[in-house]
Every structure is written in structure tokens, then in C-alpha cells.
């Protein structure tokens, strides 16, 4: 099995790559930071290939896919994980940075799907994993562009699963809530500390990676993690009300 993992240099992508190698897969690691990819590849051994790519430019996608296939053969599992956050008041957010976020978090994943899907359909098997966010179900104030990107990716992912029913190609949408990563920890530090925020459950990248790999094996539709956030899927209006009502304010210097 060949798994292409974007955003593999840290956090969730790093953990998913490690989990897949434990399960005997070949992985292609992609991200901007080649030095961190090389360090990870040393840990993973011969099963890992490194293909650096800057997916803030969606035009980098075809070359990435060609290099991944040259290294490890046809892509069986695509992990659309690369992404960034901007946490800032909407009226202060630099639109150029916001639109660059949309390219990385939304446009490039859609291009990766378009690039890998024909081969998967032709072979009659494959899995596309789109790492969205709980922000797609319960948007968080202070993340204008991130909410838009993850909401768009999640809706595209859920619809694509229906479109591909019966083709042998599965689509898994992942909705991480707060998870301890460099990006997650830095993000929460942008908000004021409140009682409600302190009660929010957090997860780990290793547990999430295990759940994602298991869901791929079973052909499941989605992973919501930590699991307590699953209420957002079944009661979206209540979840949005709670998120908007009790979200902590941005720190004054933000």
C-alpha cells in the first residue's frame, strides 16, 4: 500500500505517517520543510520517501504526485492534511495571507483529489482522506479564512463520498477538535483563558492517527476526535450556538 501524506513534517501528518509504516505501508512524505521530512524519514526507514512541495501554490500538485508515484507506485491512500491557521480579528486579517491559506487548506487538496482520483477509479480501489476540522461543523470566531477553508473541504469531501459510491474508492472526512500539536497549542494561546475553554477536551496525534488508519481499513465515512465532539454532527445548530456563545475572546494584542 502506498500512502501519500501532505503536511507530514509535524503534528497529525507526522503521526499518520508513523502509524502507516507500523502497519507495513510505504509512505511518501510531503511538506515545505525538507529538513524535518528527512529527519522523519530516517526514523521510518526504507518505507518512507521524501518529496518536498510547497502546496501554498496549487500548481505544485502535479509534480508532487508524479514524484510520489515514481518513488512508491500508484497512490492507494491520499492524506490531505497540509494546512495552516490564521487567528485574528476579521477586520485586521491580511487578505493576501488569507487567500494563501485558502490555496493551501482548500485549493491544493481539491487539486490533489483531481490528480489522484482517475487512477483510483480505474483500478477500482483507493481512499481519499480529507483532514478538515471541527471548525467545519462549529465555526470558531477569530478564524475567518480557516473556517471558510475547512468548511469547504468538509462539504466537498462528504459530497464526493456520495458521488463515488459503488466505484471502490472511499472518502473519509476527518474532523479533529483540539489536538496537541505545535499549531494547535499556538492557536489556543491566541485566545483568553476562560472557564468554558478550560473544559474543552483535547486529544493526541497518536490516537487520532490510529483512528484514521483504522477508519480507512473499514471504509468508514468520517472520524470525529475527540469523540465527545460527535454531538456537533447530530445537533449542529446547538453546537454552533454553544461555540459562538462560549468561544473565548481573542487576546487584546491579537
C-alpha atoms as a PDB file:
ATOM      1  CA  UNK A   1       0.000   0.000   0.000  1.00  0.00           C
ATOM      2  CA  UNK A   2       1.293   3.461  -0.924  1.00  0.00           C
ATOM      3  CA  UNK A   3       0.147   6.370   1.236  1.00  0.00           C
ATOM      4  CA  UNK A   4       0.837   9.999   0.297  1.00  0.00           C
ATOM      5  CA  UNK A   5       0.788  12.255   3.365  1.00  0.00           C
ATOM      6  CA  UNK A   6       0.839  16.030   2.949  1.00  0.00           C
ATOM      7  CA  UNK A   7       1.834  18.194   5.874  1.00  0.00           C
ATOM      8  CA  UNK A   8       3.943  15.267   7.089  1.00  0.00           C
ATOM      9  CA  UNK A   9       6.659  17.334   8.753  1.00  0.00           C
ATOM     10  CA  UNK A  10       4.819  17.754  12.064  1.00  0.00           C
ATOM     11  CA  UNK A  11       1.689  17.116  14.083  1.00  0.00           C
ATOM     12  CA  UNK A  12      -1.103  14.995  12.659  1.00  0.00           C
ATOM     13  CA  UNK A  13       0.700  14.264   9.384  1.00  0.00           C
ATOM     14  CA  UNK A  14       3.810  13.026  11.173  1.00  0.00           C
ATOM     15  CA  UNK A  15       1.688  10.764  13.393  1.00  0.00           C
ATOM     16  CA  UNK A  16      -0.308   9.315  10.480  1.00  0.00           C
ATOM     17  CA  UNK A  17       2.892   8.542   8.545  1.00  0.00           C
ATOM     18  CA  UNK A  18       4.355   6.745  11.564  1.00  0.00           C
ATOM     19  CA  UNK A  19       1.159   4.760  12.094  1.00  0.00           C
ATOM     20  CA  UNK A  20       1.039   3.632   8.465  1.00  0.00           C
ATOM     21  CA  UNK A  21       4.648   2.470   8.482  1.00  0.00           C
ATOM     22  CA  UNK A  22       3.893   0.434  11.616  1.00  0.00           C
ATOM     23  CA  UNK A  23       1.149  -1.225   9.584  1.00  0.00           C
ATOM     24  CA  UNK A  24       3.537  -2.130   6.761  1.00  0.00           C
ATOM     25  CA  UNK A  25       2.699   0.587   4.238  1.00  0.00           C
ATOM     26  CA  UNK A  26       5.032   2.614   2.049  1.00  0.00           C
ATOM     27  CA  UNK A  27       4.661   6.334   2.627  1.00  0.00           C
ATOM     28  CA  UNK A  28       5.551   9.434   0.650  1.00  0.00           C
ATOM     29  CA  UNK A  29       6.157  12.366   2.963  1.00  0.00           C
ATOM     30  CA  UNK A  30       5.464  15.849   1.661  1.00  0.00           C
ATOM     31  CA  UNK A  31       5.681  19.322   3.209  1.00  0.00           C
ATOM     32  CA  UNK A  32       7.636  22.543   2.776  1.00  0.00           C
ATOM     33  CA  UNK A  33      10.261  21.803   5.451  1.00  0.00           C
ATOM     34  CA  UNK A  34      12.561  19.279   3.814  1.00  0.00           C
ATOM     35  CA  UNK A  35      14.881  19.045   6.814  1.00  0.00           C
ATOM     36  CA  UNK A  36      12.053  17.848   9.057  1.00  0.00           C
ATOM     37  CA  UNK A  37      10.869  15.399   6.406  1.00  0.00           C
ATOM     38  CA  UNK A  38      14.397  13.957   6.185  1.00  0.00           C
ATOM     39  CA  UNK A  39      14.514  13.533   9.961  1.00  0.00           C
ATOM     40  CA  UNK A  40      11.180  11.719   9.912  1.00  0.00           C
ATOM     41  CA  UNK A  41      12.274   9.525   7.005  1.00  0.00           C
ATOM     42  CA  UNK A  42      15.365   8.472   8.964  1.00  0.00           C
ATOM     43  CA  UNK A  43      13.091   7.291  11.763  1.00  0.00           C
ATOM     44  CA  UNK A  44      10.794   5.440   9.357  1.00  0.00           C
ATOM     45  CA  UNK A  45      13.488   3.751   7.280  1.00  0.00           C
ATOM     46  CA  UNK A  46      13.227   2.380   3.748  1.00  0.00           C
ATOM     47  CA  UNK A  47       9.424   2.541   3.728  1.00  0.00           C
ATOM     48  CA  UNK A  48       9.494   6.351   3.514  1.00  0.00           C
ATOM     49  CA  UNK A  49      10.201   8.571   0.514  1.00  0.00           C
ATOM     50  CA  UNK A  50      10.578  12.349   0.773  1.00  0.00           C
ATOM     51  CA  UNK A  51       9.041  14.716  -1.797  1.00  0.00           C
ATOM     52  CA  UNK A  52       9.158  18.335  -0.596  1.00  0.00           C
ATOM     53  CA  UNK A  53       6.439  20.588  -2.013  1.00  0.00           C
ATOM     54  CA  UNK A  54       5.019  23.995  -1.223  1.00  0.00           C
ATOM     55  CA  UNK A  55       1.279  23.460  -1.524  1.00  0.00           C
ATOM     56  CA  UNK A  56       0.516  27.111  -0.918  1.00  0.00           C
ATOM     57  CA  UNK A  57       0.827  27.067  -4.726  1.00  0.00           C
ATOM     58  CA  UNK A  58      -1.755  24.558  -6.032  1.00  0.00           C
ATOM     59  CA  UNK A  59       0.220  24.344  -9.279  1.00  0.00           C
ATOM     60  CA  UNK A  60       2.803  22.276  -7.366  1.00  0.00           C
ATOM     61  CA  UNK A  61       0.363  19.363  -7.140  1.00  0.00           C
ATOM     62  CA  UNK A  62       1.035  17.519 -10.447  1.00  0.00           C
ATOM     63  CA  UNK A  63       4.796  17.399  -9.874  1.00  0.00           C
ATOM     64  CA  UNK A  64       4.261  16.147  -6.321  1.00  0.00           C
ATOM     65  CA  UNK A  65       2.031  13.318  -7.486  1.00  0.00           C
ATOM     66  CA  UNK A  66       4.403  12.315 -10.288  1.00  0.00           C
ATOM     67  CA  UNK A  67       7.348  12.205  -7.883  1.00  0.00           C
ATOM     68  CA  UNK A  68       5.355  10.207  -5.311  1.00  0.00           C
ATOM     69  CA  UNK A  69       4.313   7.635  -7.925  1.00  0.00           C
ATOM     70  CA  UNK A  70       7.880   7.376  -9.211  1.00  0.00           C
ATOM     71  CA  UNK A  71       9.091   6.652  -5.686  1.00  0.00           C
ATOM     72  CA  UNK A  72       6.406   4.246  -4.479  1.00  0.00           C
ATOM     73  CA  UNK A  73       3.998   3.412  -7.299  1.00  0.00           C
ATOM     74  CA  UNK A  74       0.304   4.282  -7.638  1.00  0.00           C
ATOM     75  CA  UNK A  75      -1.176   6.168  -4.703  1.00  0.00           C
ATOM     76  CA  UNK A  76      -3.597   3.979  -2.757  1.00  0.00           C
ATOM     77  CA  UNK A  77      -4.359   6.401   0.079  1.00  0.00           C
ATOM     78  CA  UNK A  78      -4.202  10.187  -0.207  1.00  0.00           C
ATOM     79  CA  UNK A  79      -3.984  12.015   3.131  1.00  0.00           C
ATOM     80  CA  UNK A  80      -4.926  15.672   2.547  1.00  0.00           C
ATOM     81  CA  UNK A  81      -3.530  17.039   5.784  1.00  0.00           C
ATOM     82  CA  UNK A  82      -1.364  20.091   4.986  1.00  0.00           C
ATOM     83  CA  UNK A  83      -2.773  23.305   6.361  1.00  0.00           C
ATOM     84  CA  UNK A  84      -2.253  26.479   8.353  1.00  0.00           C
ATOM     85  CA  UNK A  85      -4.363  28.666  10.629  1.00  0.00           C
ATOM     86  CA  UNK A  86      -4.796  32.410  10.849  1.00  0.00           C
ATOM     87  CA  UNK A  87      -6.272  33.515  14.162  1.00  0.00           C
ATOM     88  CA  UNK A  88      -7.021  37.210  14.006  1.00  0.00           C
ATOM     89  CA  UNK A  89      -9.883  39.679  14.065  1.00  0.00           C
ATOM     90  CA  UNK A  90     -11.547  39.662  10.651  1.00  0.00           C
ATOM     91  CA  UNK A  91     -11.018  43.380  10.074  1.00  0.00           C
ATOM     92  CA  UNK A  92      -7.295  43.016  10.812  1.00  0.00           C
ATOM     93  CA  UNK A  93      -6.628  39.923   8.723  1.00  0.00           C
ATOM     94  CA  UNK A  94      -4.311  40.437   5.757  1.00  0.00           C
ATOM     95  CA  UNK A  95      -6.362  39.301   2.731  1.00  0.00           C
ATOM     96  CA  UNK A  96      -3.244  38.161   0.885  1.00  0.00           C
ATOM     97  CA  UNK A  97      -2.373  35.833   3.758  1.00  0.00           C
ATOM     98  CA  UNK A  98      -5.996  34.740   3.966  1.00  0.00           C
ATOM     99  CA  UNK A  99      -6.131  33.838   0.293  1.00  0.00           C
ATOM    100  CA  UNK A 100      -2.813  31.978   0.607  1.00  0.00           C
ATOM    101  CA  UNK A 101      -4.453  29.974   3.394  1.00  0.00           C
ATOM    102  CA  UNK A 102      -7.359  29.155   1.073  1.00  0.00           C
ATOM    103  CA  UNK A 103      -4.879  27.868  -1.520  1.00  0.00           C
ATOM    104  CA  UNK A 104      -3.101  25.606   0.965  1.00  0.00           C
ATOM    105  CA  UNK A 105      -6.079  24.425   3.020  1.00  0.00           C
ATOM    106  CA  UNK A 106      -8.652  24.105   0.231  1.00  0.00           C
ATOM    107  CA  UNK A 107      -7.471  24.594  -3.364  1.00  0.00           C
ATOM    108  CA  UNK A 108      -4.473  22.244  -3.155  1.00  0.00           C
ATOM    109  CA  UNK A 109      -6.434  19.401  -1.502  1.00  0.00           C
ATOM    110  CA  UNK A 110      -9.029  19.662  -4.262  1.00  0.00           C
ATOM    111  CA  UNK A 111      -6.289  19.538  -6.890  1.00  0.00           C
ATOM    112  CA  UNK A 112      -4.731  16.524  -5.193  1.00  0.00           C
ATOM    113  CA  UNK A 113      -8.092  14.789  -5.337  1.00  0.00           C
ATOM    114  CA  UNK A 114      -8.428  15.627  -9.009  1.00  0.00           C
ATOM    115  CA  UNK A 115      -4.901  14.400  -9.698  1.00  0.00           C
ATOM    116  CA  UNK A 116      -5.177  11.044  -7.891  1.00  0.00           C
ATOM    117  CA  UNK A 117      -8.829  10.140  -8.422  1.00  0.00           C
ATOM    118  CA  UNK A 118      -8.712   8.963 -12.083  1.00  0.00           C
ATOM    119  CA  UNK A 119      -6.149   6.270 -11.297  1.00  0.00           C
ATOM    120  CA  UNK A 120      -8.069   5.127  -8.218  1.00  0.00           C
ATOM    121  CA  UNK A 121     -11.279   4.854 -10.222  1.00  0.00           C
ATOM    122  CA  UNK A 122      -9.537   2.982 -12.997  1.00  0.00           C
ATOM    123  CA  UNK A 123      -8.074   0.479 -10.512  1.00  0.00           C
ATOM    124  CA  UNK A 124     -11.349   0.205  -8.607  1.00  0.00           C
ATOM    125  CA  UNK A 125      -9.884   0.929  -5.206  1.00  0.00           C
ATOM    126  CA  UNK A 126      -8.332   3.690  -3.137  1.00  0.00           C
ATOM    127  CA  UNK A 127      -9.096   6.072  -0.307  1.00  0.00           C
ATOM    128  CA  UNK A 128      -9.081   9.858  -0.083  1.00  0.00           C
ATOM    129  CA  UNK A 129      -8.705  11.186   3.452  1.00  0.00           C
ATOM    130  CA  UNK A 130      -9.505  14.858   3.951  1.00  0.00           C
ATOM    131  CA  UNK A 131      -8.417  16.293   7.293  1.00  0.00           C
ATOM    132  CA  UNK A 132     -10.977  19.026   7.884  1.00  0.00           C
ATOM    133  CA  UNK A 133     -11.639  20.412  11.361  1.00  0.00           C
ATOM    134  CA  UNK A 134     -14.354  20.730  13.958  1.00  0.00           C
ATOM    135  CA  UNK A 135     -14.421  24.325  12.717  1.00  0.00           C
ATOM    136  CA  UNK A 136     -16.272  22.943   9.682  1.00  0.00           C
ATOM    137  CA  UNK A 137     -19.134  21.894  11.968  1.00  0.00           C
ATOM    138  CA  UNK A 138     -18.858  24.545  14.686  1.00  0.00           C
ATOM    139  CA  UNK A 139     -17.064  27.619  13.287  1.00  0.00           C
ATOM    140  CA  UNK A 140     -14.928  29.450  15.809  1.00  0.00           C
ATOM    141  CA  UNK A 141     -14.820  33.265  15.927  1.00  0.00           C
ATOM    142  CA  UNK A 142     -11.451  34.733  15.031  1.00  0.00           C
ATOM    143  CA  UNK A 143     -10.695  32.301  12.190  1.00  0.00           C
ATOM    144  CA  UNK A 144     -12.461  33.798   9.172  1.00  0.00           C
ATOM    145  CA  UNK A 145     -10.429  32.160   6.413  1.00  0.00           C
ATOM    146  CA  UNK A 146      -9.749  28.911   8.291  1.00  0.00           C
ATOM    147  CA  UNK A 147     -13.467  28.380   8.910  1.00  0.00           C
ATOM    148  CA  UNK A 148     -14.141  29.002   5.215  1.00  0.00           C
ATOM    149  CA  UNK A 149     -11.417  26.619   4.036  1.00  0.00           C
ATOM    150  CA  UNK A 150     -12.253  23.752   6.380  1.00  0.00           C
ATOM    151  CA  UNK A 151     -15.986  24.144   5.826  1.00  0.00           C
ATOM    152  CA  UNK A 152     -15.398  23.999   2.083  1.00  0.00           C
ATOM    153  CA  UNK A 153     -13.115  20.971   2.314  1.00  0.00           C
ATOM    154  CA  UNK A 154     -15.522  19.086   4.574  1.00  0.00           C
ATOM    155  CA  UNK A 155     -18.528  19.726   2.334  1.00  0.00           C
ATOM    156  CA  UNK A 156     -16.594  18.752  -0.786  1.00  0.00           C
ATOM    157  CA  UNK A 157     -15.378  15.610   0.963  1.00  0.00           C
ATOM    158  CA  UNK A 158     -18.799  14.496   2.179  1.00  0.00           C
ATOM    159  CA  UNK A 159     -20.343  15.086  -1.260  1.00  0.00           C
ATOM    160  CA  UNK A 160     -17.512  13.258  -3.021  1.00  0.00           C
ATOM    161  CA  UNK A 161     -18.097  10.183  -0.874  1.00  0.00           C
ATOM    162  CA  UNK A 162     -21.654  10.051  -2.207  1.00  0.00           C
ATOM    163  CA  UNK A 163     -20.509  10.606  -5.779  1.00  0.00           C
ATOM    164  CA  UNK A 164     -18.032   7.717  -5.579  1.00  0.00           C
ATOM    165  CA  UNK A 165     -20.388   5.197  -4.019  1.00  0.00           C
ATOM    166  CA  UNK A 166     -20.027   1.886  -5.820  1.00  0.00           C
ATOM    167  CA  UNK A 167     -16.702   2.743  -7.504  1.00  0.00           C
ATOM    168  CA  UNK A 168     -14.459   1.076  -4.928  1.00  0.00           C
ATOM    169  CA  UNK A 169     -12.998   4.449  -3.939  1.00  0.00           C
ATOM    170  CA  UNK A 170     -13.798   5.593  -0.413  1.00  0.00           C
ATOM    171  CA  UNK A 171     -13.687   9.104   1.020  1.00  0.00           C
ATOM    172  CA  UNK A 172     -13.008   9.638   4.719  1.00  0.00           C
ATOM    173  CA  UNK A 173     -13.579  13.061   6.269  1.00  0.00           C
ATOM    174  CA  UNK A 174     -11.682  13.741   9.489  1.00  0.00           C
ATOM    175  CA  UNK A 175     -12.911  16.344  11.961  1.00  0.00           C
ATOM    176  CA  UNK A 176     -10.223  16.977  14.578  1.00  0.00           C
ATOM    177  CA  UNK A 177     -11.134  19.097  17.542  1.00  0.00           C
ATOM    178  CA  UNK A 178      -8.386  20.464  19.785  1.00  0.00           C
ATOM    179  CA  UNK A 179      -5.301  18.268  19.405  1.00  0.00           C
ATOM    180  CA  UNK A 180      -1.916  18.933  20.962  1.00  0.00           C
ATOM    181  CA  UNK A 181       0.300  19.976  18.050  1.00  0.00           C
ATOM    182  CA  UNK A 182       2.550  22.989  17.554  1.00  0.00           C
ATOM    183  CA  UNK A 183      -0.220  24.657  15.543  1.00  0.00           C
ATOM    184  CA  UNK A 184      -2.963  23.705  17.980  1.00  0.00           C
ATOM    185  CA  UNK A 185      -1.065  24.867  21.055  1.00  0.00           C
ATOM    186  CA  UNK A 186      -0.048  28.129  19.379  1.00  0.00           C
ATOM    187  CA  UNK A 187      -3.629  28.702  18.267  1.00  0.00           C
ATOM    188  CA  UNK A 188      -5.222  28.312  21.670  1.00  0.00           C
ATOM    189  CA  UNK A 189      -2.682  30.760  23.085  1.00  0.00           C
ATOM    190  CA  UNK A 190      -4.248  33.486  20.919  1.00  0.00           C
ATOM    191  CA  UNK A 191      -7.442  33.347  22.999  1.00  0.00           C
ATOM    192  CA  UNK A 192      -8.219  34.499  26.509  1.00  0.00           C
ATOM    193  CA  UNK A 193      -8.354  31.816  29.167  1.00  0.00           C
ATOM    194  CA  UNK A 194     -11.944  31.177  30.220  1.00  0.00           C
ATOM    195  CA  UNK A 195     -13.729  28.534  32.223  1.00  0.00           C
ATOM    196  CA  UNK A 196     -15.542  27.154  29.182  1.00  0.00           C
ATOM    197  CA  UNK A 197     -12.324  26.879  27.177  1.00  0.00           C
ATOM    198  CA  UNK A 198     -10.631  25.025  30.017  1.00  0.00           C
ATOM    199  CA  UNK A 199     -13.352  22.353  29.913  1.00  0.00           C
ATOM    200  CA  UNK A 200     -12.854  21.569  26.211  1.00  0.00           C
ATOM    201  CA  UNK A 201     -11.389  18.069  25.758  1.00  0.00           C
ATOM    202  CA  UNK A 202      -8.091  17.730  23.911  1.00  0.00           C
ATOM    203  CA  UNK A 203      -6.676  14.766  22.019  1.00  0.00           C
ATOM    204  CA  UNK A 204      -3.312  13.403  20.930  1.00  0.00           C
ATOM    205  CA  UNK A 205      -1.911  12.973  17.435  1.00  0.00           C
ATOM    206  CA  UNK A 206      -1.041   9.319  18.026  1.00  0.00           C
ATOM    207  CA  UNK A 207      -4.591   8.361  18.985  1.00  0.00           C
ATOM    208  CA  UNK A 208      -6.039  10.322  16.088  1.00  0.00           C
ATOM    209  CA  UNK A 209      -3.618   8.640  13.665  1.00  0.00           C
ATOM    210  CA  UNK A 210      -4.697   5.211  14.916  1.00  0.00           C
ATOM    211  CA  UNK A 211      -8.364   6.109  14.446  1.00  0.00           C
ATOM    212  CA  UNK A 212      -7.762   7.420  10.923  1.00  0.00           C
ATOM    213  CA  UNK A 213      -5.864   4.326   9.769  1.00  0.00           C
ATOM    214  CA  UNK A 214      -8.491   2.050  11.302  1.00  0.00           C
ATOM    215  CA  UNK A 215     -11.304   4.005   9.629  1.00  0.00           C
ATOM    216  CA  UNK A 216      -9.563   3.694   6.250  1.00  0.00           C
ATOM    217  CA  UNK A 217      -9.330  -0.074   6.695  1.00  0.00           C
ATOM    218  CA  UNK A 218     -13.051  -0.284   7.495  1.00  0.00           C
ATOM    219  CA  UNK A 219     -14.161   2.107   4.739  1.00  0.00           C
ATOM    220  CA  UNK A 220     -15.818   4.481   7.169  1.00  0.00           C
ATOM    221  CA  UNK A 221     -17.216   7.884   6.261  1.00  0.00           C
ATOM    222  CA  UNK A 222     -15.785  10.090   8.998  1.00  0.00           C
ATOM    223  CA  UNK A 223     -13.713  10.374  12.138  1.00  0.00           C
ATOM    224  CA  UNK A 224     -14.615  12.941  14.794  1.00  0.00           C
ATOM    225  CA  UNK A 225     -11.985  13.292  17.501  1.00  0.00           C
ATOM    226  CA  UNK A 226     -12.027  13.657  20.445  1.00  0.00           C
ATOM    227  CA  UNK A 227     -15.153  11.537  20.254  1.00  0.00           C
ATOM    228  CA  UNK A 228     -17.135  13.746  22.614  1.00  0.00           C
ATOM    229  CA  UNK A 229     -17.381  16.288  19.768  1.00  0.00           C
ATOM    230  CA  UNK A 230     -19.562  13.915  17.736  1.00  0.00           C
ATOM    231  CA  UNK A 231     -22.584  15.729  19.158  1.00  0.00           C
ATOM    232  CA  UNK A 232     -21.757  18.513  16.678  1.00  0.00           C
ATOM    233  CA  UNK A 233     -22.626  16.243  13.765  1.00  0.00           C
ATOM    234  CA  UNK A 234     -26.031  15.250  15.076  1.00  0.00           C
ATOM    235  CA  UNK A 235     -27.020  18.567  16.680  1.00  0.00           C
ATOM    236  CA  UNK A 236     -25.295  21.191  14.507  1.00  0.00           C
ATOM    237  CA  UNK A 237     -27.467  24.133  15.496  1.00  0.00           C
ATOM    238  CA  UNK A 238     -26.911  23.516  19.192  1.00  0.00           C
ATOM    239  CA  UNK A 239     -23.206  23.032  18.605  1.00  0.00           C
ATOM    240  CA  UNK A 240     -22.883  26.271  16.650  1.00  0.00           C
ATOM    241  CA  UNK A 241     -24.826  28.176  19.286  1.00  0.00           C
ATOM    242  CA  UNK A 242     -22.554  26.822  22.015  1.00  0.00           C
ATOM    243  CA  UNK A 243     -19.398  27.584  20.024  1.00  0.00           C
ATOM    244  CA  UNK A 244     -20.423  31.150  19.236  1.00  0.00           C
ATOM    245  CA  UNK A 245     -21.799  31.819  22.713  1.00  0.00           C
ATOM    246  CA  UNK A 246     -18.913  30.427  24.743  1.00  0.00           C
ATOM    247  CA  UNK A 247     -15.895  30.830  22.473  1.00  0.00           C
ATOM    248  CA  UNK A 248     -13.223  32.784  24.369  1.00  0.00           C
ATOM    249  CA  UNK A 249     -12.397  36.252  23.036  1.00  0.00           C
ATOM    250  CA  UNK A 250      -9.157  36.907  21.233  1.00  0.00           C
ATOM    251  CA  UNK A 251      -6.442  38.394  23.409  1.00  0.00           C
ATOM    252  CA  UNK A 252      -6.322  42.171  23.208  1.00  0.00           C
ATOM    253  CA  UNK A 253      -2.962  42.169  21.433  1.00  0.00           C
ATOM    254  CA  UNK A 254      -4.261  39.820  18.725  1.00  0.00           C
END
